[in-house]
Amino acid sequence: MAERPSKAAASAAKADVKKQKPAAQDAPVVAKAGAPATARLPSYVPPPMFLNALVRRERGPNGRESVTMPVEAYRKLLAAAAAAVFDEADYLSRNDDVRALVEKGTLLSGLQHYVSDGYTERRASLKIPVDDPWYRKIYPDVAEQITAGQFKDSADHFTRSGFQEGRVPAEIYAGDIAEWREIVRKNGGTR
């Protein structure tokens, strides 16, 4: 049983999208240093009328609801979400292959790579605050690794491996991560 917007609503939303032109100051331009800006990556989540025209909701035989959307829309949502916490300089400093592509002009930015491939490749470069004392207390194995000099501090561990491992960077994120784990568990994932 799929819930889709009516054809009239979808057509109206598409027409509204075509009519609206974002102001230059509203969306940050992400371009390689010294190069003219030629493209924009989204910096906000669009109003529901846009997504409702693209998203298909279904309830499977198991009773679970799922959403299907075009990959382009998924990537735009990911870019909007990542833009607030993405660290371009750090990402390029830790991903030589991406930096080379940006320098050659093949990619517009590290964020462009992160959205198209880096996120699913588990490459992290996020400005997420890590509560060092709390992180060491919750993860004694990390505290030992820091003491042994394998990592500079908790933020270094989280950025280099903790994010990919699904560790919680600070107590304020524990509920969010628990909710994501439950969603993955309920939907047949492995985390």
N, C-alpha and C. Protein backbone atom coordinates (compact mmCIF):
# COMPACT_ATOMS: atom_id res chain seq x y z
N MET A 1 0.85 -1.16 0.00
CA MET A 1 0.00 0.00 0.00
C MET A 1 0.90 1.22 0.00
N ALA A 2 1.00 1.86 -1.14
CA ALA A 2 1.88 3.00 -1.31
C ALA A 2 1.10 4.30 -1.16
N GLU A 3 1.73 5.27 -0.49
CA GLU A 3 1.14 6.59 -0.37
C GLU A 3 1.92 7.51 -1.29
N ARG A 4 1.28 7.99 -2.34
CA ARG A 4 1.93 8.89 -3.28
C ARG A 4 1.15 10.19 -3.34
N PRO A 5 1.85 11.27 -3.62
CA PRO A 5 1.10 12.50 -3.82
C PRO A 5 0.29 12.38 -5.11
N SER A 6 -0.81 13.08 -5.20
CA SER A 6 -1.61 13.05 -6.42
C SER A 6 -0.78 13.62 -7.56
N LYS A 7 -1.16 13.29 -8.80
CA LYS A 7 -0.43 13.82 -9.96
C LYS A 7 -0.51 15.34 -9.99
N ALA A 8 -1.64 15.88 -9.61
CA ALA A 8 -1.80 17.34 -9.60
C ALA A 8 -0.85 17.97 -8.58
N ALA A 9 -0.75 17.36 -7.37
CA ALA A 9 0.14 17.89 -6.34
C ALA A 9 1.59 17.78 -6.77
N ALA A 10 1.96 16.67 -7.40
CA ALA A 10 3.33 16.49 -7.87
C ALA A 10 3.66 17.49 -8.95
N SER A 11 2.73 17.72 -9.90
CA SER A 11 2.96 18.69 -10.97
C SER A 11 3.09 20.10 -10.41
N ALA A 12 2.24 20.43 -9.43
CA ALA A 12 2.29 21.76 -8.82
C ALA A 12 3.61 21.97 -8.10
N ALA A 13 4.09 20.94 -7.38
CA ALA A 13 5.36 21.06 -6.67
C ALA A 13 6.51 21.23 -7.65
N LYS A 14 6.49 20.47 -8.77
CA LYS A 14 7.54 20.61 -9.78
C LYS A 14 7.52 22.00 -10.39
N ALA A 15 6.33 22.54 -10.65
CA ALA A 15 6.21 23.88 -11.21
C ALA A 15 6.75 24.90 -10.22
N ASP A 16 6.43 24.73 -8.92
CA ASP A 16 6.95 25.63 -7.89
C ASP A 16 8.46 25.59 -7.84
N VAL A 17 9.04 24.39 -7.98
CA VAL A 17 10.49 24.25 -7.96
C VAL A 17 11.10 25.04 -9.11
N LYS A 18 10.52 24.93 -10.30
CA LYS A 18 11.06 25.63 -11.47
C LYS A 18 10.95 27.14 -11.32
N LYS A 19 9.88 27.63 -10.68
CA LYS A 19 9.67 29.07 -10.51
C LYS A 19 10.67 29.68 -9.53
N GLN A 20 11.06 28.93 -8.51
CA GLN A 20 11.89 29.49 -7.47
C GLN A 20 13.35 29.46 -7.87
N LYS A 21 14.00 30.61 -7.76
CA LYS A 21 15.42 30.70 -8.05
C LYS A 21 16.12 31.10 -6.75
N PRO A 22 17.02 30.26 -6.24
CA PRO A 22 17.67 30.61 -4.98
C PRO A 22 18.55 31.84 -5.13
N ALA A 23 18.50 32.69 -4.15
CA ALA A 23 19.37 33.86 -4.14
C ALA A 23 20.79 33.41 -3.90
N ALA A 24 21.74 34.10 -4.51
CA ALA A 24 23.15 33.70 -4.41
C ALA A 24 23.60 33.65 -2.96
N GLN A 25 23.09 34.56 -2.13
CA GLN A 25 23.53 34.57 -0.74
C GLN A 25 22.90 33.46 0.10
N ASP A 26 21.85 32.80 -0.43
CA ASP A 26 21.15 31.77 0.34
C ASP A 26 21.86 30.42 0.34
N ALA A 27 22.60 30.09 -0.69
CA ALA A 27 23.24 28.78 -0.77
C ALA A 27 24.74 28.97 -0.93
N PRO A 28 25.52 28.39 -0.04
CA PRO A 28 26.96 28.57 -0.14
C PRO A 28 27.51 27.91 -1.39
N VAL A 29 28.46 28.57 -2.00
CA VAL A 29 29.12 28.00 -3.15
C VAL A 29 30.29 27.18 -2.65
N VAL A 30 30.42 25.97 -3.10
CA VAL A 30 31.51 25.11 -2.70
C VAL A 30 32.38 24.92 -3.93
N ALA A 31 33.52 25.56 -3.97
CA ALA A 31 34.39 25.46 -5.14
C ALA A 31 35.82 25.32 -4.71
N LYS A 32 36.62 24.86 -5.61
CA LYS A 32 38.03 24.71 -5.31
C LYS A 32 38.66 26.09 -5.18
N ALA A 33 39.62 26.21 -4.28
CA ALA A 33 40.26 27.50 -4.02
C ALA A 33 40.81 28.08 -5.31
N GLY A 34 40.50 29.36 -5.56
CA GLY A 34 41.02 30.05 -6.72
C GLY A 34 40.24 29.77 -8.00
N ALA A 35 39.28 28.88 -7.97
CA ALA A 35 38.51 28.55 -9.18
C ALA A 35 37.18 29.27 -9.14
N PRO A 36 36.63 29.58 -10.31
CA PRO A 36 35.30 30.20 -10.30
C PRO A 36 34.26 29.19 -9.82
N ALA A 37 33.27 29.68 -9.12
CA ALA A 37 32.22 28.80 -8.63
C ALA A 37 31.34 28.39 -9.80
N THR A 38 31.18 27.10 -10.01
CA THR A 38 30.37 26.62 -11.13
C THR A 38 29.20 25.78 -10.68
N ALA A 39 29.13 25.43 -9.43
CA ALA A 39 28.02 24.60 -8.95
C ALA A 39 27.79 24.87 -7.49
N ARG A 40 26.62 24.50 -7.05
CA ARG A 40 26.26 24.67 -5.64
C ARG A 40 25.89 23.31 -5.07
N LEU A 41 26.22 23.11 -3.83
CA LEU A 41 25.72 21.95 -3.10
C LEU A 41 24.70 22.49 -2.11
N PRO A 42 23.63 21.77 -1.89
CA PRO A 42 22.57 22.29 -1.02
C PRO A 42 23.03 22.49 0.40
N SER A 43 22.46 23.50 1.04
CA SER A 43 22.82 23.77 2.42
C SER A 43 21.59 23.78 3.33
N TYR A 44 20.48 23.35 2.81
CA TYR A 44 19.28 23.27 3.65
C TYR A 44 18.40 22.13 3.16
N VAL A 45 17.53 21.68 4.04
CA VAL A 45 16.57 20.63 3.69
C VAL A 45 15.35 21.34 3.10
N PRO A 46 14.89 20.90 1.93
CA PRO A 46 13.79 21.60 1.27
C PRO A 46 12.46 21.43 1.99
N PRO A 47 11.51 22.30 1.67
CA PRO A 47 10.18 22.15 2.27
C PRO A 47 9.53 20.85 1.80
N PRO A 48 8.57 20.36 2.57
CA PRO A 48 7.95 19.07 2.26
C PRO A 48 7.35 18.96 0.86
N MET A 49 6.86 20.06 0.28
CA MET A 49 6.22 19.95 -1.03
C MET A 49 7.18 19.41 -2.08
N PHE A 50 8.47 19.68 -1.94
CA PHE A 50 9.44 19.17 -2.91
C PHE A 50 9.66 17.67 -2.71
N LEU A 51 9.90 17.29 -1.48
CA LEU A 51 10.14 15.87 -1.21
C LEU A 51 8.89 15.03 -1.44
N ASN A 52 7.73 15.56 -1.09
CA ASN A 52 6.50 14.80 -1.29
C ASN A 52 6.26 14.49 -2.76
N ALA A 53 6.79 15.32 -3.64
CA ALA A 53 6.65 15.08 -5.08
C ALA A 53 7.59 13.96 -5.55
N LEU A 54 8.59 13.63 -4.75
CA LEU A 54 9.61 12.66 -5.16
C LEU A 54 9.60 11.36 -4.38
N VAL A 55 9.14 11.42 -3.16
CA VAL A 55 9.27 10.28 -2.25
C VAL A 55 8.06 9.36 -2.37
N ARG A 56 8.34 8.07 -2.38
CA ARG A 56 7.27 7.06 -2.37
C ARG A 56 7.37 6.29 -1.06
N ARG A 57 6.28 6.27 -0.32
CA ARG A 57 6.22 5.54 0.95
C ARG A 57 5.47 4.26 0.73
N GLU A 58 5.99 3.17 1.28
CA GLU A 58 5.35 1.86 1.13
C GLU A 58 5.39 1.11 2.45
N ARG A 59 4.43 0.23 2.62
CA ARG A 59 4.43 -0.67 3.76
C ARG A 59 4.60 -2.06 3.19
N GLY A 60 5.66 -2.74 3.59
CA GLY A 60 5.96 -4.07 3.07
C GLY A 60 5.10 -5.13 3.73
N PRO A 61 5.25 -6.38 3.26
CA PRO A 61 4.47 -7.49 3.82
C PRO A 61 4.74 -7.72 5.31
N ASN A 62 5.91 -7.29 5.76
CA ASN A 62 6.26 -7.44 7.18
C ASN A 62 5.69 -6.31 8.03
N GLY A 63 4.99 -5.36 7.37
CA GLY A 63 4.39 -4.25 8.10
C GLY A 63 5.31 -3.05 8.27
N ARG A 64 6.55 -3.17 7.86
CA ARG A 64 7.50 -2.06 8.01
C ARG A 64 7.32 -1.05 6.88
N GLU A 65 7.37 0.21 7.26
CA GLU A 65 7.25 1.28 6.27
C GLU A 65 8.65 1.61 5.74
N SER A 66 8.71 1.86 4.45
CA SER A 66 9.98 2.28 3.85
C SER A 66 9.71 3.43 2.89
N VAL A 67 10.80 4.11 2.53
CA VAL A 67 10.72 5.26 1.64
C VAL A 67 11.67 5.02 0.48
N THR A 68 11.19 5.32 -0.71
CA THR A 68 12.02 5.23 -1.91
C THR A 68 12.09 6.63 -2.51
N MET A 69 13.29 7.02 -2.91
CA MET A 69 13.46 8.33 -3.54
C MET A 69 14.58 8.24 -4.56
N PRO A 70 14.60 9.14 -5.53
CA PRO A 70 15.70 9.15 -6.49
C PRO A 70 17.04 9.40 -5.79
N VAL A 71 18.08 8.78 -6.30
CA VAL A 71 19.42 8.94 -5.71
C VAL A 71 19.80 10.41 -5.67
N GLU A 72 19.46 11.17 -6.68
CA GLU A 72 19.78 12.60 -6.70
C GLU A 72 19.19 13.31 -5.48
N ALA A 73 17.95 12.99 -5.13
CA ALA A 73 17.32 13.60 -3.96
C ALA A 73 18.00 13.15 -2.68
N TYR A 74 18.35 11.86 -2.59
CA TYR A 74 19.06 11.33 -1.42
C TYR A 74 20.38 12.09 -1.24
N ARG A 75 21.11 12.26 -2.32
CA ARG A 75 22.41 12.95 -2.23
C ARG A 75 22.25 14.41 -1.83
N LYS A 76 21.21 15.06 -2.32
CA LYS A 76 20.97 16.46 -1.93
C LYS A 76 20.64 16.55 -0.44
N LEU A 77 19.84 15.61 0.05
CA LEU A 77 19.54 15.60 1.49
C LEU A 77 20.79 15.34 2.31
N LEU A 78 21.61 14.39 1.85
CA LEU A 78 22.86 14.09 2.55
C LEU A 78 23.77 15.32 2.55
N ALA A 79 23.86 16.01 1.42
CA ALA A 79 24.69 17.21 1.34
C ALA A 79 24.20 18.29 2.29
N ALA A 80 22.88 18.46 2.35
CA ALA A 80 22.32 19.47 3.25
C ALA A 80 22.62 19.13 4.70
N ALA A 81 22.49 17.86 5.05
CA ALA A 81 22.77 17.44 6.42
C ALA A 81 24.26 17.55 6.74
N ALA A 82 25.10 17.16 5.80
CA ALA A 82 26.55 17.14 6.04
C ALA A 82 27.16 18.54 6.03
N ALA A 83 26.56 19.47 5.28
CA ALA A 83 27.15 20.80 5.13
C ALA A 83 27.42 21.48 6.47
N ALA A 84 26.56 21.24 7.43
CA ALA A 84 26.72 21.90 8.74
C ALA A 84 27.87 21.35 9.55
N VAL A 85 28.27 20.11 9.28
CA VAL A 85 29.31 19.48 10.10
C VAL A 85 30.52 19.01 9.31
N PHE A 86 30.54 19.29 8.01
CA PHE A 86 31.63 18.82 7.16
C PHE A 86 32.84 19.74 7.27
N ASP A 87 34.03 19.16 7.36
CA ASP A 87 35.28 19.92 7.45
C ASP A 87 36.08 19.67 6.17
N GLU A 88 35.94 20.56 5.22
CA GLU A 88 36.57 20.43 3.90
C GLU A 88 38.08 20.26 3.99
N ALA A 89 38.74 21.14 4.73
CA ALA A 89 40.21 21.09 4.81
C ALA A 89 40.68 19.77 5.41
N ASP A 90 40.02 19.33 6.46
CA ASP A 90 40.39 18.07 7.11
C ASP A 90 40.16 16.89 6.17
N TYR A 91 39.03 16.90 5.48
CA TYR A 91 38.70 15.80 4.56
C TYR A 91 39.76 15.69 3.46
N LEU A 92 40.13 16.81 2.88
CA LEU A 92 41.14 16.79 1.82
C LEU A 92 42.51 16.41 2.37
N SER A 93 42.83 16.82 3.60
CA SER A 93 44.14 16.48 4.17
C SER A 93 44.27 14.99 4.45
N ARG A 94 43.13 14.31 4.69
CA ARG A 94 43.18 12.88 5.01
C ARG A 94 42.82 11.98 3.83
N ASN A 95 42.48 12.57 2.70
CA ASN A 95 42.10 11.79 1.52
C ASN A 95 42.86 12.33 0.31
N ASP A 96 44.09 11.86 0.16
CA ASP A 96 44.95 12.34 -0.93
C ASP A 96 44.32 12.15 -2.30
N ASP A 97 43.62 11.04 -2.49
CA ASP A 97 43.01 10.77 -3.80
C ASP A 97 41.95 11.82 -4.13
N VAL A 98 41.17 12.22 -3.14
CA VAL A 98 40.14 13.23 -3.35
C VAL A 98 40.79 14.59 -3.56
N ARG A 99 41.79 14.92 -2.76
CA ARG A 99 42.49 16.20 -2.91
C ARG A 99 43.05 16.33 -4.32
N ALA A 100 43.64 15.26 -4.85
CA ALA A 100 44.20 15.29 -6.21
C ALA A 100 43.11 15.56 -7.24
N LEU A 101 41.95 14.95 -7.07
CA LEU A 101 40.85 15.17 -8.01
C LEU A 101 40.32 16.60 -7.94
N VAL A 102 40.27 17.16 -6.73
CA VAL A 102 39.83 18.54 -6.57
C VAL A 102 40.86 19.48 -7.21
N GLU A 103 42.15 19.22 -6.97
CA GLU A 103 43.20 20.07 -7.55
C GLU A 103 43.19 20.02 -9.08
N LYS A 104 42.89 18.85 -9.64
CA LYS A 104 42.81 18.71 -11.10
C LYS A 104 41.55 19.34 -11.68
N GLY A 105 40.57 19.60 -10.82
CA GLY A 105 39.31 20.15 -11.29
C GLY A 105 38.29 19.09 -11.66
N THR A 106 38.62 17.83 -11.44
CA THR A 106 37.68 16.74 -11.72
C THR A 106 36.50 16.78 -10.76
N LEU A 107 36.78 17.14 -9.51
CA LEU A 107 35.74 17.33 -8.49
C LEU A 107 35.72 18.79 -8.10
N LEU A 108 34.54 19.27 -7.77
CA LEU A 108 34.39 20.65 -7.33
C LEU A 108 34.94 20.83 -5.91
N SER A 109 34.74 19.82 -5.05
CA SER A 109 35.12 19.94 -3.65
C SER A 109 35.16 18.58 -2.98
N GLY A 110 35.72 18.56 -1.78
CA GLY A 110 35.68 17.36 -0.97
C GLY A 110 34.26 17.00 -0.58
N LEU A 111 33.44 18.02 -0.32
CA LEU A 111 32.04 17.76 0.04
C LEU A 111 31.32 17.07 -1.11
N GLN A 112 31.61 17.46 -2.34
CA GLN A 112 31.00 16.79 -3.49
C GLN A 112 31.35 15.30 -3.47
N HIS A 113 32.62 14.98 -3.20
CA HIS A 113 33.03 13.58 -3.13
C HIS A 113 32.35 12.87 -1.97
N TYR A 114 32.33 13.53 -0.81
CA TYR A 114 31.73 12.93 0.38
C TYR A 114 30.28 12.53 0.12
N VAL A 115 29.53 13.42 -0.54
CA VAL A 115 28.12 13.16 -0.81
C VAL A 115 27.95 12.05 -1.85
N SER A 116 28.78 12.05 -2.89
CA SER A 116 28.60 11.06 -3.96
C SER A 116 29.17 9.69 -3.58
N ASP A 117 30.28 9.66 -2.84
CA ASP A 117 30.93 8.38 -2.55
C ASP A 117 31.49 8.25 -1.13
N GLY A 118 32.05 9.30 -0.60
CA GLY A 118 32.78 9.22 0.67
C GLY A 118 31.96 8.75 1.85
N TYR A 119 30.70 9.19 1.93
CA TYR A 119 29.86 8.78 3.05
C TYR A 119 29.67 7.27 3.05
N THR A 120 29.34 6.69 1.90
CA THR A 120 29.12 5.24 1.85
C THR A 120 30.43 4.46 1.93
N GLU A 121 31.55 5.13 1.64
CA GLU A 121 32.86 4.50 1.80
C GLU A 121 33.35 4.61 3.24
N ARG A 122 32.54 5.23 4.10
CA ARG A 122 32.85 5.42 5.52
C ARG A 122 34.04 6.34 5.76
N ARG A 123 34.21 7.30 4.88
CA ARG A 123 35.25 8.31 5.09
C ARG A 123 34.62 9.40 5.95
N ALA A 124 35.26 9.73 7.04
CA ALA A 124 34.69 10.72 7.96
C ALA A 124 35.50 12.00 7.95
N SER A 125 34.81 13.10 8.07
CA SER A 125 35.44 14.39 8.27
C SER A 125 34.36 15.34 8.74
N LEU A 126 33.98 15.16 9.96
CA LEU A 126 32.86 15.91 10.49
C LEU A 126 33.28 16.73 11.70
N LYS A 127 32.69 17.91 11.81
CA LYS A 127 32.97 18.78 12.94
C LYS A 127 31.99 18.46 14.08
N ILE A 128 32.07 17.24 14.57
CA ILE A 128 31.19 16.82 15.66
C ILE A 128 32.00 16.91 16.95
N PRO A 129 31.51 17.66 17.93
CA PRO A 129 32.27 17.77 19.17
C PRO A 129 32.35 16.44 19.92
N VAL A 130 33.53 16.15 20.42
CA VAL A 130 33.77 14.92 21.17
C VAL A 130 34.07 15.32 22.61
N ASP A 131 33.34 14.76 23.56
CA ASP A 131 33.54 15.03 24.98
C ASP A 131 34.65 14.09 25.47
N ASP A 132 35.87 14.62 25.54
CA ASP A 132 37.04 13.79 25.84
C ASP A 132 36.91 13.00 27.14
N PRO A 133 36.61 13.62 28.29
CA PRO A 133 36.52 12.83 29.53
C PRO A 133 35.42 11.75 29.45
N TRP A 134 34.27 12.10 28.92
CA TRP A 134 33.16 11.16 28.82
C TRP A 134 33.52 10.00 27.88
N TYR A 135 34.10 10.32 26.72
CA TYR A 135 34.46 9.32 25.72
C TYR A 135 35.45 8.31 26.30
N ARG A 136 36.45 8.82 27.02
CA ARG A 136 37.46 7.91 27.63
C ARG A 136 36.82 7.03 28.71
N LYS A 137 35.86 7.60 29.45
CA LYS A 137 35.19 6.83 30.50
C LYS A 137 34.32 5.72 29.90
N ILE A 138 33.57 6.05 28.85
CA ILE A 138 32.67 5.08 28.21
C ILE A 138 33.44 4.03 27.42
N TYR A 139 34.57 4.43 26.85
CA TYR A 139 35.36 3.52 26.03
C TYR A 139 36.77 3.37 26.62
N PRO A 140 36.92 2.51 27.64
CA PRO A 140 38.22 2.35 28.27
C PRO A 140 39.30 1.84 27.30
N ASP A 141 38.89 1.09 26.26
CA ASP A 141 39.86 0.64 25.27
C ASP A 141 40.48 1.83 24.55
N VAL A 142 39.68 2.86 24.30
CA VAL A 142 40.19 4.07 23.65
C VAL A 142 41.13 4.81 24.60
N ALA A 143 40.74 4.90 25.88
CA ALA A 143 41.61 5.56 26.87
C ALA A 143 42.98 4.90 26.90
N GLU A 144 42.99 3.56 26.84
CA GLU A 144 44.27 2.83 26.81
C GLU A 144 45.07 3.14 25.55
N GLN A 145 44.38 3.22 24.40
CA GLN A 145 45.06 3.52 23.14
C GLN A 145 45.63 4.94 23.14
N ILE A 146 44.91 5.88 23.76
CA ILE A 146 45.41 7.26 23.87
C ILE A 146 46.64 7.28 24.77
N THR A 147 46.56 6.61 25.90
CA THR A 147 47.69 6.53 26.83
C THR A 147 48.91 5.91 26.15
N ALA A 148 48.67 4.92 25.29
CA ALA A 148 49.75 4.23 24.59
C ALA A 148 50.29 5.04 23.41
N GLY A 149 49.66 6.21 23.13
CA GLY A 149 50.14 7.07 22.05
C GLY A 149 49.61 6.71 20.67
N GLN A 150 48.63 5.81 20.60
CA GLN A 150 48.08 5.45 19.29
C GLN A 150 47.17 6.55 18.73
N PHE A 151 46.59 7.34 19.62
CA PHE A 151 45.76 8.47 19.24
C PHE A 151 46.13 9.65 20.11
N LYS A 152 45.98 10.85 19.55
CA LYS A 152 46.31 12.08 20.29
C LYS A 152 45.32 12.32 21.43
N ASP A 153 44.03 12.12 21.14
CA ASP A 153 42.97 12.32 22.14
C ASP A 153 41.70 11.65 21.62
N SER A 154 40.60 11.86 22.33
CA SER A 154 39.34 11.22 21.95
C SER A 154 38.84 11.71 20.59
N ALA A 155 39.01 12.99 20.31
CA ALA A 155 38.57 13.53 19.02
C ALA A 155 39.35 12.88 17.88
N ASP A 156 40.64 12.68 18.08
CA ASP A 156 41.47 12.02 17.07
C ASP A 156 40.98 10.59 16.85
N HIS A 157 40.68 9.87 17.92
CA HIS A 157 40.16 8.51 17.78
C HIS A 157 38.82 8.51 17.06
N PHE A 158 37.91 9.39 17.47
CA PHE A 158 36.58 9.41 16.87
C PHE A 158 36.66 9.70 15.37
N THR A 159 37.49 10.67 15.00
CA THR A 159 37.62 11.04 13.59
C THR A 159 38.27 9.93 12.78
N ARG A 160 39.29 9.30 13.32
CA ARG A 160 40.02 8.29 12.55
C ARG A 160 39.34 6.93 12.55
N SER A 161 38.63 6.57 13.63
CA SER A 161 38.00 5.24 13.62
C SER A 161 36.68 5.16 14.39
N GLY A 162 36.48 5.96 15.39
CA GLY A 162 35.27 5.85 16.21
C GLY A 162 33.98 6.09 15.45
N PHE A 163 33.99 7.06 14.52
CA PHE A 163 32.80 7.34 13.71
C PHE A 163 32.40 6.11 12.91
N GLN A 164 33.38 5.50 12.23
CA GLN A 164 33.11 4.32 11.42
C GLN A 164 32.66 3.13 12.27
N GLU A 165 33.11 3.08 13.51
CA GLU A 165 32.74 1.99 14.41
C GLU A 165 31.38 2.21 15.06
N GLY A 166 30.79 3.38 14.86
CA GLY A 166 29.49 3.68 15.46
C GLY A 166 29.57 4.09 16.91
N ARG A 167 30.73 4.60 17.34
CA ARG A 167 30.86 5.03 18.74
C ARG A 167 30.18 6.38 18.93
N VAL A 168 29.78 6.65 20.14
CA VAL A 168 29.07 7.87 20.49
C VAL A 168 30.11 8.92 20.91
N PRO A 169 30.15 10.10 20.24
CA PRO A 169 31.18 11.08 20.55
C PRO A 169 30.97 11.85 21.85
N ALA A 170 29.72 11.97 22.27
CA ALA A 170 29.40 12.70 23.50
C ALA A 170 28.04 12.24 24.00
N GLU A 171 27.82 12.37 25.27
CA GLU A 171 26.58 11.88 25.87
C GLU A 171 25.34 12.47 25.21
N ILE A 172 25.42 13.72 24.74
CA ILE A 172 24.26 14.36 24.13
C ILE A 172 23.80 13.64 22.85
N TYR A 173 24.67 12.84 22.23
CA TYR A 173 24.32 12.12 21.01
C TYR A 173 23.89 10.67 21.27
N ALA A 174 23.97 10.22 22.50
CA ALA A 174 23.69 8.81 22.81
C ALA A 174 22.28 8.41 22.40
N GLY A 175 21.30 9.24 22.66
CA GLY A 175 19.93 8.91 22.29
C GLY A 175 19.75 8.82 20.78
N ASP A 176 20.35 9.76 20.03
CA ASP A 176 20.25 9.74 18.57
C ASP A 176 20.86 8.46 18.00
N ILE A 177 22.02 8.11 18.48
CA ILE A 177 22.71 6.92 17.95
C ILE A 177 21.93 5.66 18.33
N ALA A 178 21.37 5.63 19.53
CA ALA A 178 20.56 4.48 19.93
C ALA A 178 19.34 4.34 19.02
N GLU A 179 18.73 5.47 18.65
CA GLU A 179 17.58 5.43 17.74
C GLU A 179 18.00 4.90 16.37
N TRP A 180 19.16 5.35 15.85
CA TRP A 180 19.65 4.85 14.56
C TRP A 180 19.92 3.35 14.62
N ARG A 181 20.52 2.90 15.71
CA ARG A 181 20.79 1.47 15.85
C ARG A 181 19.49 0.66 15.85
N GLU A 182 18.47 1.18 16.53
CA GLU A 182 17.19 0.48 16.58
C GLU A 182 16.53 0.45 15.20
N ILE A 183 16.60 1.54 14.46
CA ILE A 183 16.05 1.57 13.10
C ILE A 183 16.75 0.53 12.23
N VAL A 184 18.07 0.47 12.32
CA VAL A 184 18.84 -0.51 11.54
C VAL A 184 18.45 -1.93 11.96
N ARG A 185 18.36 -2.17 13.27
CA ARG A 185 18.01 -3.51 13.76
C ARG A 185 16.63 -3.93 13.26
N LYS A 186 15.64 -3.05 13.40
CA LYS A 186 14.28 -3.37 12.99
C LYS A 186 14.15 -3.63 11.50
N ASN A 187 15.05 -3.07 10.73
CA ASN A 187 14.95 -3.18 9.28
C ASN A 187 15.96 -4.14 8.69
N GLY A 188 16.46 -5.05 9.53
CA GLY A 188 17.31 -6.12 9.01
C GLY A 188 18.77 -5.79 8.85
N GLY A 189 19.22 -4.65 9.38
CA GLY A 189 20.63 -4.29 9.29
C GLY A 189 21.45 -5.06 10.30
N THR A 190 22.76 -4.83 10.29
CA THR A 190 23.65 -5.61 11.16
C THR A 190 24.22 -4.81 12.31
N ARG A 191 23.98 -3.50 12.41
CA ARG A 191 24.60 -2.70 13.46
C ARG A 191 23.73 -2.61 14.67
